[in-house]
Amino acid sequence: MRAFIVDAFTDRPFAGNPAGVCLLDQPADAAWMQRVAAEFNLSETAFVHRTAENTYGLRWFTPTVEVDLCGHATLATAHVLHTTRSAAAPDAPLSFTTLSGVLTARRHDQGAISLDFPTDVPTATPVPPLLAKALGAEPQWTGRARHDLLVELPDAATVRDLNPDIAALAGFSGRAVIVTASAPDDADHDFVSRVFAPAAGIPEDPVTGAAHCVLAPHWAERLGRTTLNARQLSPRGGRVGVALHDDRVTLLGHAVTVFTGELTP
């Protein structure tokens, strides 16, 4: 079967977040997919099979667990389907049946792809004990989303320079710890973030679409706007455009294929 590595939320190779994409002829065994994802050893590997015209089943695995939502691997999958013309109508919207319901992807001018995802609004909670020590920075605000802990820090420089205790962060309940701050006034983006998910086998995720389902409603309320630009400040870095629509969020980004090959079953 055909397999790809695609850098997502970037317009140049070796930046953004790399995802594996495997094109299946039919649904595959979950244990086998988990072993393939461990072999790829990327933050997520996507497994996709066609069910109808421009409609697909899609699942995502980290090296250690299956996850029920992944933005960058969905972007990577849509990019592969468009560029390989695996979609029956290359420019038609793609529909993915997933553990998070039906997600759609649409290709735009200059190769950008938009994803329609559910929002995940965080609820304010007290700062968990020992969180500041684990992060090495004092939280200004914390909130719980469905799977993640959102932590607002004083400024973008603090987010950029953070050197947390990854093993300690794994002890906080949930999938990931998302740290964020508003961008400087002279920046070309509105907020920044980093995402640490050691409990899911990902010490730091380079660019995280699912995290922006949490970040978008948080910063839309803070900044009083529903259309925002974001930058994730991992060493690889990446950009995500977000637009809030009630309980849905549009994520916009580019993707670049860096590897193609054949996977032996």
Foldseek 3Di string as FASTA:
>chain_A
DKKFWKAWQDPDPPFHFIEIEDEDQDDDDPVVVLCVQLVVQGQKYKYWHDDDQLEIEIWIAHNHGTDQDFDRNVQVHLLVCLVVVVHVDNQDKHWYQTSQGIKIWGADPPAKIKIKHFAWEWDWDPDDPCPCVQFVADFPTWTDTPFEIETEGDAPVSQLPTDGNLVVQLPDGGQKYKYKYAHDPPDPWGIEIWIAGVVRVGRTGRDTPNVVSHVQVVVCVVVVAQWTKYWYNDPSIRIWTWGDDPRIIMIMRHMGIDDMDDDDD
